[in-house]
Amino acid sequence: MPRYIALLRAINVGGHTVKMDHLRGLFEAIGLEDVQTFIASGNAIFRSPSKNPAALGKSIQGHLRKALGYEVATFLRTEDELKQVAEHRAFKNAGDDYHAIYVAFLHTRPDKELIDRLMTFKSKINDFHVHQKEVYWLCRKKMMDSEFSGAVLEKALGMPATLRNATTVRKLVALLTGE
């Protein structure tokens, strides 16, 4: 049975707090198996017989909205897809001249016009790379010191996204692979 990773946007913000054991229960309530959570930022690992990740993601998102009473954008990746995200080297020449690399997970790959719009935010502080359904963001300062943010990214692309630090993505993959 395939293993999936749900990356949830804004599950614990705006006065909402969902304990990870409750989140696991919500996933189990719709028949998902071997549910695990990884850090309290909305990462759930599970197994499902579904072969249609897009439909499964919509089902999870709808269930969470109904159970929690607010929208939780849900971005699904297979285990192999998440490994590819972690292995992708978007900024080969970045050296040590950066504070962090973030990965924005999207539902679909943005078209050229949207990518061009995103690239208008490129600066000495921020750089971007789009690969598949992810945007890699190189931030040369602390995120809170940058004029760019997840909200700006969503507005530029005209679509929802959820951000994870690249280190978190690699740790999540290590958990999946037992490394």
Protein backbone atom coordinates (compact mmCIF):
# COMPACT_ATOMS: atom_id res chain seq x y z
CA MET A 1 0.00 0.00 0.00
CA PRO A 2 1.51 3.37 -1.01
CA ARG A 3 2.81 5.75 1.64
CA TYR A 4 1.88 9.42 1.38
CA ILE A 5 2.91 12.59 3.15
CA ALA A 6 0.32 15.30 3.79
CA LEU A 7 1.80 18.77 4.23
CA LEU A 8 -0.86 20.90 5.86
CA ARG A 9 -1.00 24.67 5.62
CA ALA A 10 -1.86 26.73 8.68
CA ILE A 11 -3.27 23.97 10.84
CA ASN A 12 -1.93 25.56 14.04
CA VAL A 13 -2.23 29.31 13.42
CA GLY A 14 -4.80 32.02 13.98
CA GLY A 15 -5.75 30.78 17.44
CA HIS A 16 -6.22 27.18 16.28
CA THR A 17 -4.30 24.41 17.99
CA VAL A 18 -4.59 20.81 16.89
CA LYS A 19 -2.70 18.28 18.98
CA MET A 20 -0.87 15.73 16.89
CA ASP A 21 -2.70 12.77 18.47
CA HIS A 22 -6.00 14.41 17.46
CA LEU A 23 -4.67 14.95 13.94
CA ARG A 24 -3.67 11.27 13.73
CA GLY A 25 -7.19 10.34 14.82
CA LEU A 26 -8.72 12.55 12.12
CA PHE A 27 -6.65 10.78 9.47
CA GLU A 28 -7.51 7.34 10.87
CA ALA A 29 -11.22 8.25 10.92
CA ILE A 30 -11.26 8.30 7.12
CA GLY A 31 -9.55 4.94 6.78
CA LEU A 32 -5.92 6.00 6.44
CA GLU A 33 -3.45 3.57 8.00
CA ASP A 34 -0.11 3.67 9.85
CA VAL A 35 -0.61 7.38 10.53
CA GLN A 36 2.34 9.26 12.00
CA THR A 37 2.87 12.95 12.55
CA PHE A 38 6.18 14.76 12.32
CA ILE A 39 6.72 17.90 14.39
CA ALA A 40 3.72 20.05 15.20
CA SER A 41 3.70 21.95 11.92
CA GLY A 42 1.23 19.85 9.99
CA ASN A 43 3.13 16.91 8.54
CA ALA A 44 1.34 13.56 8.44
CA ILE A 45 2.65 10.30 7.04
CA PHE A 46 0.19 7.52 6.24
CA ARG A 47 -0.68 4.63 3.98
CA SER A 48 -3.67 4.49 1.67
CA PRO A 49 -4.72 2.14 -1.11
CA SER A 50 -5.66 5.20 -3.19
CA LYS A 51 -3.87 5.52 -6.51
CA ASN A 52 -5.23 9.05 -7.05
CA PRO A 53 -3.25 11.50 -4.87
CA ALA A 54 -5.23 14.55 -6.07
CA ALA A 55 -8.58 13.03 -5.07
CA LEU A 56 -7.12 11.74 -1.80
CA GLY A 57 -5.76 15.20 -0.95
CA LYS A 58 -9.15 16.80 -1.63
CA SER A 59 -10.83 14.16 0.53
CA ILE A 60 -8.45 14.83 3.44
CA GLN A 61 -8.85 18.60 3.04
CA GLY A 62 -12.65 18.31 3.07
CA HIS A 63 -12.61 16.03 6.10
CA LEU A 64 -10.33 18.41 8.02
CA ARG A 65 -12.53 21.40 7.13
CA LYS A 66 -15.61 19.58 8.40
CA ALA A 67 -13.94 18.23 11.55
CA LEU A 68 -12.03 21.39 12.51
CA GLY A 69 -14.37 24.08 11.21
CA TYR A 70 -11.77 25.91 9.12
CA GLU A 71 -9.87 25.43 5.87
CA VAL A 72 -6.61 23.48 6.00
CA ALA A 73 -4.99 23.40 2.57
CA THR A 74 -3.57 19.92 2.06
CA PHE A 75 -0.63 19.15 -0.21
CA LEU A 76 0.02 15.47 -0.83
CA ARG A 77 3.25 13.88 -1.99
CA THR A 78 4.19 10.25 -2.39
CA GLU A 79 7.23 8.97 -0.55
CA ASP A 80 9.22 8.97 -3.82
CA GLU A 81 8.11 12.51 -4.68
CA LEU A 82 9.23 13.81 -1.28
CA LYS A 83 12.60 12.07 -1.67
CA GLN A 84 13.02 13.82 -5.03
CA VAL A 85 12.19 17.17 -3.44
CA ALA A 86 14.81 16.59 -0.73
CA GLU A 87 17.44 15.50 -3.25
CA HIS A 88 16.88 18.35 -5.71
CA ARG A 89 19.69 20.89 -5.55
CA ALA A 90 18.07 24.12 -6.65
CA PHE A 91 20.94 26.43 -5.76
CA LYS A 92 24.15 24.65 -6.69
CA ASN A 93 26.33 27.76 -6.27
CA ALA A 94 24.80 29.15 -3.09
CA GLY A 95 27.81 28.25 -0.97
CA ASP A 96 27.32 29.32 2.63
CA ASP A 97 25.91 32.72 1.67
CA TYR A 98 22.37 32.05 2.84
CA HIS A 99 20.33 31.72 5.98
CA ALA A 100 17.93 29.02 4.80
CA ILE A 101 16.34 27.28 1.87
CA TYR A 102 12.59 26.83 2.01
CA VAL A 103 10.39 24.65 -0.13
CA ALA A 104 6.90 25.81 -1.06
CA PHE A 105 4.63 22.90 -1.91
CA LEU A 106 1.93 23.62 -4.51
CA HIS A 107 -0.97 21.63 -5.96
CA THR A 108 0.22 22.14 -9.53
CA ARG A 109 3.25 23.48 -11.34
CA PRO A 110 2.81 27.19 -12.06
CA ASP A 111 2.80 28.22 -15.70
CA LYS A 112 5.52 30.41 -17.26
CA GLU A 113 3.62 33.65 -16.67
CA LEU A 114 3.28 32.92 -12.95
CA ILE A 115 6.92 31.85 -12.67
CA ASP A 116 7.95 35.10 -14.38
CA ARG A 117 5.82 37.05 -11.87
CA LEU A 118 7.50 35.21 -8.98
CA MET A 119 10.95 35.99 -10.37
CA THR A 120 10.24 39.73 -10.12
CA PHE A 121 10.80 39.25 -6.36
CA LYS A 122 14.35 37.96 -6.92
CA SER A 123 16.87 40.17 -5.11
CA LYS A 124 20.22 40.12 -3.33
CA ILE A 125 18.36 38.54 -0.40
CA ASN A 126 15.91 36.22 -2.14
CA ASP A 127 16.31 33.78 -5.00
CA PHE A 128 13.82 31.28 -6.42
CA HIS A 129 13.81 28.08 -8.40
CA VAL A 130 10.72 26.23 -9.62
CA HIS A 131 10.92 22.48 -10.10
CA GLN A 132 7.86 20.28 -10.61
CA LYS A 133 5.18 21.35 -8.07
CA GLU A 134 7.64 23.04 -5.72
CA VAL A 135 9.20 26.47 -5.42
CA TYR A 136 12.61 26.56 -3.75
CA TRP A 137 13.33 29.83 -1.98
CA LEU A 138 16.88 30.77 -1.03
CA CYS A 139 16.77 33.40 1.72
CA ARG A 140 20.06 35.07 2.56
CA LYS A 141 18.64 36.61 5.77
CA LYS A 142 16.26 35.38 8.41
CA MET A 143 12.82 34.87 6.89
CA MET A 144 11.34 37.54 9.18
CA ASP A 145 13.94 40.04 7.92
CA SER A 146 12.97 39.46 4.28
CA GLU A 147 10.31 41.45 2.45
CA PHE A 148 9.26 38.15 0.89
CA SER A 149 6.98 35.67 2.67
CA GLY A 150 4.70 32.74 2.09
CA ALA A 151 1.78 35.15 1.71
CA VAL A 152 3.66 37.11 -0.98
CA LEU A 153 4.49 33.85 -2.75
CA GLU A 154 0.82 32.79 -2.75
CA LYS A 155 -0.24 36.18 -4.08
CA ALA A 156 2.41 36.16 -6.81
CA LEU A 157 1.43 32.67 -7.95
CA GLY A 158 -2.29 33.09 -7.36
CA MET A 159 -2.47 29.72 -5.62
CA PRO A 160 -2.14 28.28 -2.12
CA ALA A 161 1.18 26.93 -0.89
CA THR A 162 2.71 25.62 2.29
CA LEU A 163 6.34 26.26 3.22
CA ARG A 164 8.82 23.94 4.88
CA ASN A 165 12.46 24.52 5.64
CA ALA A 166 14.59 22.26 3.41
CA THR A 167 16.18 20.80 6.55
CA THR A 168 12.72 19.75 7.75
CA VAL A 169 12.05 18.10 4.39
CA ARG A 170 15.32 16.16 4.62
CA LYS A 171 14.52 15.07 8.20
CA LEU A 172 11.08 13.94 7.09
CA VAL A 173 12.64 11.86 4.32
CA ALA A 174 15.15 10.40 6.81
CA LEU A 175 12.22 9.34 9.00
CA LEU A 176 10.57 7.70 5.97
CA THR A 177 13.70 5.83 4.95
CA GLY A 178 14.87 4.96 8.46
CA GLU A 179 18.20 6.76 7.99
